[in-house]
Amino acid sequence: MTRKTISPARHRSLGDQTWQDQAVCQSTEYNPVDPDIFFPEPDATAKITAAKSLCRQCPVRRTCLDAALEGGDTDGIRGGMTEEERGPLHEKLARRLDYSRVNATIAGRDVHLTKAERRAVVHAAYRHGLTEQRLAWLLKVTEEHAQKLYRETRRTLRNRDLGLTTEDAPPVETEDGRLGRDDFGTAA
């Protein structure tokens, strides 16, 4: 019986461009590559086909695609995809939730995160008992903001455990039966 192991995902760190050295599209003395083939006109199918065939051979194709999406690059062929093919991915990027990115961040790596992934990092850090200082360091925020994130997480988990949504939560009455100052929201 053969066993297949899954190697951990390697995500590009913030500001890391070292992956470009391994890209097939990098022109060298022994491998001259015309960079213009990666920026073809829409009807230049021969250039598009040539660029995509190079991308299929590239060991860092996924990293290139991630860099293009995270950087908002909408021009040219990146990661083996044309501008039109990357369009829907750009739209979905904000909702991406990749737990390998969350785990890499919890482990201390500076990884590009979406809003959904940032929320997952807060939740995982809270569940693992990480301090507010550590969360602040991981997310590059102030300790006060990390405290706020933990308060929101505690409130969300409490309401979920009680089976309540924020709209369903009944106001808490004081001993004399009247509503307290905090029951009226921030406007009061």
C-alpha atoms as a PDB file:
ATOM      1  CA  MET A   1       0.000   0.000   0.000  1.00  0.00           C
ATOM      2  CA  THR A   2       1.430   3.356  -0.984  1.00  0.00           C
ATOM      3  CA  ARG A   3       0.877   6.376   1.177  1.00  0.00           C
ATOM      4  CA  LYS A   4       0.499   9.820  -0.224  1.00  0.00           C
ATOM      5  CA  THR A   5       1.544  12.710   1.954  1.00  0.00           C
ATOM      6  CA  ILE A   6       0.357  16.210   1.338  1.00  0.00           C
ATOM      7  CA  SER A   7       3.090  18.772   1.708  1.00  0.00           C
ATOM      8  CA  PRO A   8       2.109  21.968   3.508  1.00  0.00           C
ATOM      9  CA  ALA A   9       1.162  24.921   1.343  1.00  0.00           C
ATOM     10  CA  ARG A  10       3.868  27.504   0.856  1.00  0.00           C
ATOM     11  CA  HIS A  11       2.323  30.922   0.759  1.00  0.00           C
ATOM     12  CA  ARG A  12       4.045  34.061  -0.363  1.00  0.00           C
ATOM     13  CA  SER A  13       4.960  36.310   2.544  1.00  0.00           C
ATOM     14  CA  LEU A  14       4.160  40.005   2.546  1.00  0.00           C
ATOM     15  CA  GLY A  15       6.536  41.762   0.152  1.00  0.00           C
ATOM     16  CA  ASP A  16       8.197  38.508  -0.921  1.00  0.00           C
ATOM     17  CA  GLN A  17       9.236  38.588  -4.568  1.00  0.00           C
ATOM     18  CA  THR A  18      11.895  35.851  -4.427  1.00  0.00           C
ATOM     19  CA  TRP A  19       9.566  33.428  -6.186  1.00  0.00           C
ATOM     20  CA  GLN A  20      10.122  35.385  -9.408  1.00  0.00           C
ATOM     21  CA  ASP A  21      13.654  33.967  -9.675  1.00  0.00           C
ATOM     22  CA  GLN A  22      12.146  30.505 -10.259  1.00  0.00           C
ATOM     23  CA  ALA A  23       9.641  31.667 -12.885  1.00  0.00           C
ATOM     24  CA  VAL A  24       9.971  30.213 -16.378  1.00  0.00           C
ATOM     25  CA  CYS A  25       9.172  33.619 -17.887  1.00  0.00           C
ATOM     26  CA  GLN A  26      12.377  35.146 -16.506  1.00  0.00           C
ATOM     27  CA  SER A  27      14.687  35.747 -19.419  1.00  0.00           C
ATOM     28  CA  THR A  28      18.240  34.476 -18.984  1.00  0.00           C
ATOM     29  CA  GLU A  29      21.274  34.113 -21.195  1.00  0.00           C
ATOM     30  CA  TYR A  30      20.398  30.468 -21.832  1.00  0.00           C
ATOM     31  CA  ASN A  31      16.624  30.919 -21.911  1.00  0.00           C
ATOM     32  CA  PRO A  32      15.684  34.138 -23.710  1.00  0.00           C
ATOM     33  CA  VAL A  33      12.007  34.939 -23.225  1.00  0.00           C
ATOM     34  CA  ASP A  34      10.245  37.845 -24.910  1.00  0.00           C
ATOM     35  CA  PRO A  35       8.195  39.572 -22.172  1.00  0.00           C
ATOM     36  CA  ASP A  36       5.839  40.986 -24.821  1.00  0.00           C
ATOM     37  CA  ILE A  37       4.177  37.586 -25.251  1.00  0.00           C
ATOM     38  CA  PHE A  38       2.683  38.008 -21.757  1.00  0.00           C
ATOM     39  CA  PHE A  39       0.964  41.255 -22.802  1.00  0.00           C
ATOM     40  CA  PRO A  40      -0.705  40.293 -26.092  1.00  0.00           C
ATOM     41  CA  GLU A  41      -3.488  42.061 -27.905  1.00  0.00           C
ATOM     42  CA  PRO A  42      -6.864  40.364 -27.350  1.00  0.00           C
ATOM     43  CA  ASP A  43      -6.873  38.806 -30.809  1.00  0.00           C
ATOM     44  CA  ALA A  44      -3.225  37.612 -30.764  1.00  0.00           C
ATOM     45  CA  THR A  45      -4.070  33.964 -30.116  1.00  0.00           C
ATOM     46  CA  ALA A  46      -0.580  32.729 -31.058  1.00  0.00           C
ATOM     47  CA  LYS A  47       1.033  34.892 -28.342  1.00  0.00           C
ATOM     48  CA  ILE A  48      -1.614  33.880 -25.804  1.00  0.00           C
ATOM     49  CA  THR A  49      -1.050  30.190 -26.579  1.00  0.00           C
ATOM     50  CA  ALA A  50       2.746  30.589 -26.322  1.00  0.00           C
ATOM     51  CA  ALA A  51       2.506  32.434 -22.996  1.00  0.00           C
ATOM     52  CA  LYS A  52       0.108  29.889 -21.507  1.00  0.00           C
ATOM     53  CA  SER A  53       2.334  26.995 -22.609  1.00  0.00           C
ATOM     54  CA  LEU A  54       5.254  28.589 -20.760  1.00  0.00           C
ATOM     55  CA  CYS A  55       3.060  29.093 -17.706  1.00  0.00           C
ATOM     56  CA  ARG A  56       2.045  25.413 -17.693  1.00  0.00           C
ATOM     57  CA  GLN A  57       5.727  24.500 -17.221  1.00  0.00           C
ATOM     58  CA  CYS A  58       6.320  27.016 -14.429  1.00  0.00           C
ATOM     59  CA  PRO A  59       6.972  25.751 -10.880  1.00  0.00           C
ATOM     60  CA  VAL A  60       5.666  28.994  -9.332  1.00  0.00           C
ATOM     61  CA  ARG A  61       2.533  29.406 -11.454  1.00  0.00           C
ATOM     62  CA  ARG A  62       0.179  29.347  -8.442  1.00  0.00           C
ATOM     63  CA  THR A  63       2.293  31.893  -6.581  1.00  0.00           C
ATOM     64  CA  CYS A  64       2.310  34.119  -9.669  1.00  0.00           C
ATOM     65  CA  LEU A  65      -1.474  33.917  -9.873  1.00  0.00           C
ATOM     66  CA  ASP A  66      -1.835  34.706  -6.159  1.00  0.00           C
ATOM     67  CA  ALA A  67       0.510  37.683  -6.508  1.00  0.00           C
ATOM     68  CA  ALA A  68      -1.502  38.997  -9.465  1.00  0.00           C
ATOM     69  CA  LEU A  69      -4.791  38.627  -7.597  1.00  0.00           C
ATOM     70  CA  GLU A  70      -3.533  40.034  -4.304  1.00  0.00           C
ATOM     71  CA  GLY A  71      -1.772  42.907  -6.054  1.00  0.00           C
ATOM     72  CA  GLY A  72      -4.770  43.723  -8.219  1.00  0.00           C
ATOM     73  CA  ASP A  73      -2.827  43.158 -11.456  1.00  0.00           C
ATOM     74  CA  THR A  74      -5.363  43.101 -14.248  1.00  0.00           C
ATOM     75  CA  ASP A  75      -3.020  43.349 -17.232  1.00  0.00           C
ATOM     76  CA  GLY A  76      -1.322  40.569 -19.137  1.00  0.00           C
ATOM     77  CA  ILE A  77      -1.100  36.836 -18.634  1.00  0.00           C
ATOM     78  CA  ARG A  78      -0.245  35.894 -15.056  1.00  0.00           C
ATOM     79  CA  GLY A  79      -0.336  32.465 -13.484  1.00  0.00           C
ATOM     80  CA  GLY A  80      -1.375  30.928 -16.774  1.00  0.00           C
ATOM     81  CA  MET A  81      -4.549  33.004 -17.036  1.00  0.00           C
ATOM     82  CA  THR A  82      -5.539  35.892 -19.257  1.00  0.00           C
ATOM     83  CA  GLU A  83      -7.032  39.127 -17.947  1.00  0.00           C
ATOM     84  CA  GLU A  84     -10.537  37.899 -18.756  1.00  0.00           C
ATOM     85  CA  GLU A  85      -9.992  34.546 -17.039  1.00  0.00           C
ATOM     86  CA  ARG A  86      -8.698  36.238 -13.874  1.00  0.00           C
ATOM     87  CA  GLY A  87     -11.648  38.657 -13.726  1.00  0.00           C
ATOM     88  CA  PRO A  88     -14.017  36.375 -11.770  1.00  0.00           C
ATOM     89  CA  LEU A  89     -11.183  35.412  -9.422  1.00  0.00           C
ATOM     90  CA  HIS A  90     -10.521  39.081  -8.634  1.00  0.00           C
ATOM     91  CA  GLU A  91     -14.184  39.442  -7.684  1.00  0.00           C
ATOM     92  CA  LYS A  92     -14.124  36.349  -5.432  1.00  0.00           C
ATOM     93  CA  LEU A  93     -10.808  37.168  -3.745  1.00  0.00           C
ATOM     94  CA  ALA A  94     -12.320  39.171  -0.881  1.00  0.00           C
ATOM     95  CA  ARG A  95     -14.380  36.127   0.167  1.00  0.00           C
ATOM     96  CA  ARG A  96     -11.514  33.630  -0.089  1.00  0.00           C
ATOM     97  CA  LEU A  97     -11.115  31.503   3.008  1.00  0.00           C
ATOM     98  CA  ASP A  98      -8.064  29.293   2.755  1.00  0.00           C
ATOM     99  CA  TYR A  99      -7.369  27.596   6.086  1.00  0.00           C
ATOM    100  CA  SER A 100      -3.774  26.859   5.116  1.00  0.00           C
ATOM    101  CA  ARG A 101      -3.252  30.648   5.033  1.00  0.00           C
ATOM    102  CA  VAL A 102      -4.948  30.968   8.421  1.00  0.00           C
ATOM    103  CA  ASN A 103      -2.719  28.248   9.890  1.00  0.00           C
ATOM    104  CA  ALA A 104       0.394  29.814   8.370  1.00  0.00           C
ATOM    105  CA  THR A 105      -0.516  33.138   9.978  1.00  0.00           C
ATOM    106  CA  ILE A 106      -1.148  31.525  13.377  1.00  0.00           C
ATOM    107  CA  ALA A 107       2.292  29.915  13.019  1.00  0.00           C
ATOM    108  CA  GLY A 108       3.794  33.388  12.651  1.00  0.00           C
ATOM    109  CA  ARG A 109       4.191  33.851   8.893  1.00  0.00           C
ATOM    110  CA  ASP A 110       3.320  37.157   7.220  1.00  0.00           C
ATOM    111  CA  VAL A 111       0.771  35.993   4.676  1.00  0.00           C
ATOM    112  CA  HIS A 112      -1.610  38.036   2.555  1.00  0.00           C
ATOM    113  CA  LEU A 113      -5.056  37.580   4.109  1.00  0.00           C
ATOM    114  CA  THR A 114      -8.558  38.404   2.970  1.00  0.00           C
ATOM    115  CA  LYS A 115     -11.156  39.770   5.389  1.00  0.00           C
ATOM    116  CA  ALA A 116     -12.643  36.309   5.797  1.00  0.00           C
ATOM    117  CA  GLU A 117      -9.198  34.855   6.545  1.00  0.00           C
ATOM    118  CA  ARG A 118      -8.481  37.641   9.058  1.00  0.00           C
ATOM    119  CA  ARG A 119     -11.729  36.793  10.886  1.00  0.00           C
ATOM    120  CA  ALA A 120     -10.731  33.125  10.885  1.00  0.00           C
ATOM    121  CA  VAL A 121      -7.307  34.032  12.336  1.00  0.00           C
ATOM    122  CA  VAL A 122      -8.999  35.928  15.175  1.00  0.00           C
ATOM    123  CA  HIS A 123     -11.312  32.997  15.864  1.00  0.00           C
ATOM    124  CA  ALA A 124      -8.463  30.441  15.751  1.00  0.00           C
ATOM    125  CA  ALA A 125      -6.231  32.605  17.940  1.00  0.00           C
ATOM    126  CA  TYR A 126      -9.039  32.965  20.472  1.00  0.00           C
ATOM    127  CA  ARG A 127      -9.724  29.208  20.467  1.00  0.00           C
ATOM    128  CA  HIS A 128      -6.000  28.455  20.897  1.00  0.00           C
ATOM    129  CA  GLY A 129      -5.721  30.923  23.780  1.00  0.00           C
ATOM    130  CA  LEU A 130      -3.235  33.269  22.119  1.00  0.00           C
ATOM    131  CA  THR A 131      -2.733  36.523  23.956  1.00  0.00           C
ATOM    132  CA  GLU A 132      -4.028  39.815  22.648  1.00  0.00           C
ATOM    133  CA  GLN A 133      -0.430  40.926  22.195  1.00  0.00           C
ATOM    134  CA  ARG A 134       0.296  37.927  19.989  1.00  0.00           C
ATOM    135  CA  LEU A 135      -2.870  38.499  17.939  1.00  0.00           C
ATOM    136  CA  ALA A 136      -1.905  42.144  17.502  1.00  0.00           C
ATOM    137  CA  TRP A 137       1.527  41.079  16.266  1.00  0.00           C
ATOM    138  CA  LEU A 138       0.083  38.464  13.883  1.00  0.00           C
ATOM    139  CA  LEU A 139      -2.416  40.838  12.293  1.00  0.00           C
ATOM    140  CA  LYS A 140      -0.209  43.947  12.481  1.00  0.00           C
ATOM    141  CA  VAL A 141      -2.786  45.869  14.528  1.00  0.00           C
ATOM    142  CA  THR A 142      -2.688  47.648  17.884  1.00  0.00           C
ATOM    143  CA  GLU A 143      -3.271  45.754  21.108  1.00  0.00           C
ATOM    144  CA  GLU A 144      -6.423  47.802  21.669  1.00  0.00           C
ATOM    145  CA  HIS A 145      -7.765  46.639  18.311  1.00  0.00           C
ATOM    146  CA  ALA A 146      -6.847  43.036  19.163  1.00  0.00           C
ATOM    147  CA  GLN A 147      -8.786  43.397  22.435  1.00  0.00           C
ATOM    148  CA  LYS A 148     -11.794  44.660  20.467  1.00  0.00           C
ATOM    149  CA  LEU A 149     -11.544  41.717  18.066  1.00  0.00           C
ATOM    150  CA  TYR A 150     -11.464  39.268  20.974  1.00  0.00           C
ATOM    151  CA  ARG A 151     -14.495  40.975  22.602  1.00  0.00           C
ATOM    152  CA  GLU A 152     -16.437  40.657  19.343  1.00  0.00           C
ATOM    153  CA  THR A 153     -15.399  37.009  19.053  1.00  0.00           C
ATOM    154  CA  ARG A 154     -16.502  36.259  22.626  1.00  0.00           C
ATOM    155  CA  ARG A 155     -19.856  37.942  21.960  1.00  0.00           C
ATOM    156  CA  THR A 156     -20.353  36.053  18.688  1.00  0.00           C
ATOM    157  CA  LEU A 157     -19.526  32.705  20.295  1.00  0.00           C
ATOM    158  CA  ARG A 158     -21.780  33.408  23.273  1.00  0.00           C
ATOM    159  CA  ASN A 159     -24.700  34.304  21.013  1.00  0.00           C
ATOM    160  CA  ARG A 160     -24.070  31.287  18.821  1.00  0.00           C
ATOM    161  CA  ASP A 161     -23.999  28.995  21.856  1.00  0.00           C
ATOM    162  CA  LEU A 162     -27.256  30.520  23.064  1.00  0.00           C
ATOM    163  CA  GLY A 163     -28.754  30.146  19.602  1.00  0.00           C
ATOM    164  CA  LEU A 164     -29.262  33.889  19.256  1.00  0.00           C
ATOM    165  CA  THR A 165     -28.488  36.343  16.514  1.00  0.00           C
ATOM    166  CA  THR A 166     -27.677  39.921  17.452  1.00  0.00           C
ATOM    167  CA  GLU A 167     -31.226  40.947  16.508  1.00  0.00           C
ATOM    168  CA  ASP A 168     -32.758  38.184  18.661  1.00  0.00           C
ATOM    169  CA  ALA A 169     -30.802  38.964  21.827  1.00  0.00           C
ATOM    170  CA  PRO A 170     -33.273  40.245  24.432  1.00  0.00           C
ATOM    171  CA  PRO A 171     -32.341  43.381  26.395  1.00  0.00           C
ATOM    172  CA  VAL A 172     -31.174  42.671  29.908  1.00  0.00           C
ATOM    173  CA  GLU A 173     -33.367  44.178  32.588  1.00  0.00           C
ATOM    174  CA  THR A 174     -32.041  45.528  35.874  1.00  0.00           C
ATOM    175  CA  GLU A 175     -33.248  44.323  39.285  1.00  0.00           C
ATOM    176  CA  ASP A 176     -36.095  46.858  39.344  1.00  0.00           C
ATOM    177  CA  GLY A 177     -37.368  45.663  35.932  1.00  0.00           C
ATOM    178  CA  ARG A 178     -36.155  48.662  33.934  1.00  0.00           C
ATOM    179  CA  LEU A 179     -33.741  48.567  31.029  1.00  0.00           C
ATOM    180  CA  GLY A 180     -30.160  49.578  31.766  1.00  0.00           C
ATOM    181  CA  ARG A 181     -28.063  52.320  30.132  1.00  0.00           C
ATOM    182  CA  ASP A 182     -26.234  49.822  27.888  1.00  0.00           C
ATOM    183  CA  ASP A 183     -29.463  48.464  26.419  1.00  0.00           C
ATOM    184  CA  PHE A 184     -30.026  51.453  24.151  1.00  0.00           C
ATOM    185  CA  GLY A 185     -26.990  51.177  21.872  1.00  0.00           C
ATOM    186  CA  THR A 186     -24.406  53.833  21.150  1.00  0.00           C
ATOM    187  CA  ALA A 187     -26.842  56.658  20.367  1.00  0.00           C
ATOM    188  CA  ALA A 188     -28.181  56.877  23.931  1.00  0.00           C
END
